Amino acid sequence: MDNRTVAATIVGGVVGALAGYLLFTERGRALRRQLEPALEDFARELNQFRGTVARATGVAGEGWRLLNETLGEREPHRYQAPHQSSPF
């Protein structure tokens, strides 16, 4: 067996043991109940961050568009590839 097989076996065993502990023991269930509010808060913060990144991306795109209009360019040159052919 190679090292990757051994590592995958060990990781699978650890994940299975952790899942068994969290799902089938009373202390694991109690731990899950304590973690659920924290995970919900984390998910909410992550969604807010994703919205912030989307808004920032929109603002940056609008800024590039205004800059290109000011300079008299129709489209930014950095995205154009007029003569690129498919490798297939």
N, C-alpha and C. Protein backbone atom coordinates (compact mmCIF):
# COMPACT_ATOMS: atom_id res chain seq x y z
N MET A 1 0.84 -1.18 0.00
CA MET A 1 0.00 0.00 0.00
C MET A 1 0.88 1.24 0.00
N ASP A 2 0.42 2.25 -0.73
CA ASP A 2 1.18 3.48 -0.76
C ASP A 2 0.72 4.41 0.37
N ASN A 3 1.44 5.51 0.54
CA ASN A 3 1.16 6.44 1.64
C ASN A 3 -0.22 7.08 1.53
N ARG A 4 -0.67 7.33 0.30
CA ARG A 4 -1.98 7.97 0.13
C ARG A 4 -3.10 7.04 0.59
N THR A 5 -2.98 5.77 0.34
CA THR A 5 -3.99 4.81 0.77
C THR A 5 -4.05 4.73 2.28
N VAL A 6 -2.89 4.69 2.91
CA VAL A 6 -2.82 4.64 4.37
C VAL A 6 -3.42 5.92 4.96
N ALA A 7 -3.06 7.07 4.41
CA ALA A 7 -3.58 8.34 4.91
C ALA A 7 -5.10 8.41 4.75
N ALA A 8 -5.61 7.98 3.60
CA ALA A 8 -7.06 8.00 3.37
C ALA A 8 -7.77 7.06 4.33
N THR A 9 -7.19 5.92 4.64
CA THR A 9 -7.78 4.98 5.58
C THR A 9 -7.83 5.57 6.98
N ILE A 10 -6.76 6.22 7.39
CA ILE A 10 -6.70 6.83 8.72
C ILE A 10 -7.70 7.98 8.82
N VAL A 11 -7.75 8.85 7.82
CA VAL A 11 -8.69 9.97 7.83
C VAL A 11 -10.12 9.46 7.83
N GLY A 12 -10.42 8.46 7.05
CA GLY A 12 -11.76 7.87 7.03
C GLY A 12 -12.15 7.30 8.38
N GLY A 13 -11.22 6.64 9.05
CA GLY A 13 -11.49 6.09 10.38
C GLY A 13 -11.75 7.18 11.40
N VAL A 14 -10.97 8.26 11.35
CA VAL A 14 -11.16 9.37 12.28
C VAL A 14 -12.50 10.05 12.04
N VAL A 15 -12.84 10.31 10.79
CA VAL A 15 -14.12 10.95 10.46
C VAL A 15 -15.28 10.06 10.89
N GLY A 16 -15.18 8.77 10.65
CA GLY A 16 -16.22 7.84 11.07
C GLY A 16 -16.38 7.78 12.57
N ALA A 17 -15.28 7.78 13.30
CA ALA A 17 -15.34 7.76 14.76
C ALA A 17 -15.95 9.05 15.30
N LEU A 18 -15.59 10.18 14.72
CA LEU A 18 -16.16 11.46 15.14
C LEU A 18 -17.66 11.50 14.86
N ALA A 19 -18.07 11.05 13.69
CA ALA A 19 -19.49 11.02 13.36
C ALA A 19 -20.25 10.10 14.31
N GLY A 20 -19.70 8.95 14.61
CA GLY A 20 -20.33 8.03 15.55
C GLY A 20 -20.46 8.65 16.94
N TYR A 21 -19.44 9.34 17.38
CA TYR A 21 -19.48 10.00 18.69
C TYR A 21 -20.57 11.06 18.72
N LEU A 22 -20.60 11.92 17.69
CA LEU A 22 -21.57 13.02 17.66
C LEU A 22 -23.01 12.54 17.49
N LEU A 23 -23.21 11.43 16.79
CA LEU A 23 -24.56 10.97 16.50
C LEU A 23 -25.11 9.95 17.50
N PHE A 24 -24.26 9.14 18.09
CA PHE A 24 -24.76 8.00 18.85
C PHE A 24 -24.45 8.02 20.34
N THR A 25 -23.77 9.06 20.84
CA THR A 25 -23.53 9.13 22.28
C THR A 25 -24.26 10.34 22.86
N GLU A 26 -24.61 10.26 24.11
CA GLU A 26 -25.33 11.36 24.75
C GLU A 26 -24.45 12.60 24.85
N ARG A 27 -23.18 12.42 25.19
CA ARG A 27 -22.27 13.57 25.25
C ARG A 27 -22.07 14.18 23.88
N GLY A 28 -22.06 13.37 22.84
CA GLY A 28 -21.94 13.88 21.47
C GLY A 28 -23.15 14.69 21.06
N ARG A 29 -24.33 14.22 21.44
CA ARG A 29 -25.56 14.97 21.14
C ARG A 29 -25.56 16.31 21.87
N ALA A 30 -25.13 16.31 23.12
CA ALA A 30 -25.06 17.56 23.88
C ALA A 30 -24.07 18.53 23.23
N LEU A 31 -22.95 18.02 22.79
CA LEU A 31 -21.97 18.86 22.11
C LEU A 31 -22.55 19.44 20.82
N ARG A 32 -23.27 18.62 20.07
CA ARG A 32 -23.93 19.10 18.85
C ARG A 32 -24.90 20.22 19.15
N ARG A 33 -25.70 20.07 20.22
CA ARG A 33 -26.67 21.11 20.60
C ARG A 33 -25.97 22.42 20.95
N GLN A 34 -24.79 22.33 21.53
CA GLN A 34 -24.03 23.53 21.87
C GLN A 34 -23.42 24.17 20.63
N LEU A 35 -23.03 23.36 19.66
CA LEU A 35 -22.36 23.88 18.46
C LEU A 35 -23.33 24.45 17.43
N GLU A 36 -24.57 23.97 17.41
CA GLU A 36 -25.52 24.39 16.37
C GLU A 36 -25.74 25.90 16.32
N PRO A 37 -25.96 26.61 17.45
CA PRO A 37 -26.11 28.07 17.35
C PRO A 37 -24.87 28.77 16.79
N ALA A 38 -23.69 28.29 17.19
CA ALA A 38 -22.46 28.89 16.68
C ALA A 38 -22.32 28.66 15.18
N LEU A 39 -22.69 27.48 14.72
CA LEU A 39 -22.62 27.20 13.28
C LEU A 39 -23.62 28.03 12.50
N GLU A 40 -24.81 28.24 13.07
CA GLU A 40 -25.81 29.09 12.40
C GLU A 40 -25.31 30.52 12.30
N ASP A 41 -24.69 31.03 13.37
CA ASP A 41 -24.13 32.38 13.34
C ASP A 41 -23.02 32.48 12.29
N PHE A 42 -22.19 31.46 12.23
CA PHE A 42 -21.11 31.45 11.25
C PHE A 42 -21.66 31.44 9.82
N ALA A 43 -22.70 30.65 9.58
CA ALA A 43 -23.31 30.59 8.25
C ALA A 43 -23.92 31.94 7.88
N ARG A 44 -24.56 32.60 8.84
CA ARG A 44 -25.16 33.91 8.58
C ARG A 44 -24.07 34.94 8.24
N GLU A 45 -22.97 34.93 9.01
CA GLU A 45 -21.86 35.86 8.73
C GLU A 45 -21.23 35.58 7.36
N LEU A 46 -21.13 34.31 7.02
CA LEU A 46 -20.56 33.95 5.73
C LEU A 46 -21.44 34.44 4.58
N ASN A 47 -22.75 34.34 4.73
CA ASN A 47 -23.67 34.85 3.71
C ASN A 47 -23.59 36.36 3.60
N GLN A 48 -23.46 37.05 4.73
CA GLN A 48 -23.31 38.51 4.69
C GLN A 48 -22.01 38.89 4.00
N PHE A 49 -20.95 38.16 4.27
CA PHE A 49 -19.67 38.43 3.62
C PHE A 49 -19.76 38.21 2.12
N ARG A 50 -20.46 37.15 1.72
CA ARG A 50 -20.63 36.88 0.29
C ARG A 50 -21.39 38.02 -0.39
N GLY A 51 -22.42 38.56 0.29
CA GLY A 51 -23.15 39.70 -0.25
C GLY A 51 -22.27 40.94 -0.37
N THR A 52 -21.42 41.14 0.62
CA THR A 52 -20.50 42.28 0.59
C THR A 52 -19.52 42.16 -0.57
N VAL A 53 -19.00 40.97 -0.79
CA VAL A 53 -18.08 40.75 -1.91
C VAL A 53 -18.80 40.98 -3.23
N ALA A 54 -20.04 40.53 -3.35
CA ALA A 54 -20.80 40.73 -4.59
C ALA A 54 -21.03 42.22 -4.84
N ARG A 55 -21.36 42.97 -3.79
CA ARG A 55 -21.55 44.42 -3.97
C ARG A 55 -20.24 45.10 -4.35
N ALA A 56 -19.14 44.70 -3.71
CA ALA A 56 -17.83 45.29 -4.03
C ALA A 56 -17.44 44.98 -5.47
N THR A 57 -17.75 43.78 -5.93
CA THR A 57 -17.47 43.42 -7.32
C THR A 57 -18.27 44.28 -8.28
N GLY A 58 -19.53 44.52 -7.95
CA GLY A 58 -20.36 45.38 -8.79
C GLY A 58 -19.84 46.80 -8.84
N VAL A 59 -19.41 47.32 -7.70
CA VAL A 59 -18.87 48.68 -7.64
C VAL A 59 -17.58 48.76 -8.45
N ALA A 60 -16.72 47.75 -8.33
CA ALA A 60 -15.47 47.76 -9.09
C ALA A 60 -15.75 47.70 -10.59
N GLY A 61 -16.71 46.87 -11.01
CA GLY A 61 -17.06 46.80 -12.43
C GLY A 61 -17.60 48.12 -12.95
N GLU A 62 -18.43 48.77 -12.15
CA GLU A 62 -18.95 50.08 -12.55
C GLU A 62 -17.83 51.10 -12.65
N GLY A 63 -16.88 51.03 -11.73
CA GLY A 63 -15.73 51.94 -11.79
C GLY A 63 -14.92 51.74 -13.06
N TRP A 64 -14.67 50.48 -13.44
CA TRP A 64 -13.94 50.21 -14.68
C TRP A 64 -14.72 50.72 -15.89
N ARG A 65 -16.04 50.52 -15.87
CA ARG A 65 -16.87 50.97 -16.98
C ARG A 65 -16.79 52.49 -17.13
N LEU A 66 -16.90 53.21 -16.00
CA LEU A 66 -16.82 54.67 -16.06
C LEU A 66 -15.44 55.14 -16.51
N LEU A 67 -14.40 54.47 -16.04
CA LEU A 67 -13.05 54.83 -16.46
C LEU A 67 -12.87 54.63 -17.96
N ASN A 68 -13.37 53.52 -18.47
CA ASN A 68 -13.25 53.25 -19.91
C ASN A 68 -14.06 54.24 -20.72
N GLU A 69 -15.24 54.62 -20.23
CA GLU A 69 -16.03 55.65 -20.94
C GLU A 69 -15.28 56.97 -20.95
N THR A 70 -14.66 57.33 -19.84
CA THR A 70 -13.93 58.59 -19.74
C THR A 70 -12.74 58.60 -20.70
N LEU A 71 -12.08 57.47 -20.82
CA LEU A 71 -10.92 57.39 -21.70
C LEU A 71 -11.30 57.16 -23.16
N GLY A 72 -12.57 56.95 -23.42
CA GLY A 72 -13.04 56.77 -24.79
C GLY A 72 -12.92 55.34 -25.29
N GLU A 73 -12.70 54.41 -24.43
CA GLU A 73 -12.61 53.02 -24.83
C GLU A 73 -13.96 52.36 -24.63
N ARG A 74 -14.31 51.47 -25.54
CA ARG A 74 -15.60 50.80 -25.42
C ARG A 74 -15.54 49.60 -24.50
N GLU A 75 -14.50 48.78 -24.60
CA GLU A 75 -14.35 47.60 -23.77
C GLU A 75 -12.92 47.53 -23.27
N PRO A 76 -12.71 47.02 -22.09
CA PRO A 76 -11.34 46.90 -21.59
C PRO A 76 -10.55 45.89 -22.42
N HIS A 77 -9.31 46.24 -22.73
CA HIS A 77 -8.47 45.38 -23.57
C HIS A 77 -7.99 44.14 -22.85
N ARG A 78 -7.97 44.15 -21.54
CA ARG A 78 -7.39 43.03 -20.82
C ARG A 78 -8.22 41.77 -20.90
N TYR A 79 -9.49 41.86 -21.30
CA TYR A 79 -10.34 40.68 -21.41
C TYR A 79 -10.49 40.18 -22.84
N GLN A 80 -9.99 40.91 -23.78
CA GLN A 80 -10.18 40.53 -25.17
C GLN A 80 -9.10 39.54 -25.62
N ALA A 81 -9.52 38.58 -26.38
CA ALA A 81 -8.60 37.62 -27.01
C ALA A 81 -9.11 37.39 -28.42
N PRO A 82 -8.89 38.34 -29.35
CA PRO A 82 -9.55 38.29 -30.65
C PRO A 82 -9.12 37.14 -31.55
N HIS A 83 -7.91 36.65 -31.42
CA HIS A 83 -7.43 35.62 -32.35
C HIS A 83 -7.11 34.31 -31.66
N GLN A 84 -7.68 34.10 -30.53
CA GLN A 84 -7.40 32.85 -29.80
C GLN A 84 -8.23 31.73 -30.43
N SER A 85 -7.58 30.62 -30.67
CA SER A 85 -8.28 29.47 -31.25
C SER A 85 -8.39 28.37 -30.22
N SER A 86 -9.31 27.47 -30.46
CA SER A 86 -9.52 26.36 -29.55
C SER A 86 -8.39 25.33 -29.73
N PRO A 87 -7.88 24.78 -28.63
CA PRO A 87 -6.80 23.79 -28.75
C PRO A 87 -7.33 22.42 -29.20
N PHE A 88 -8.63 22.27 -29.35
CA PHE A 88 -9.20 20.97 -29.71
C PHE A 88 -9.75 20.97 -31.12
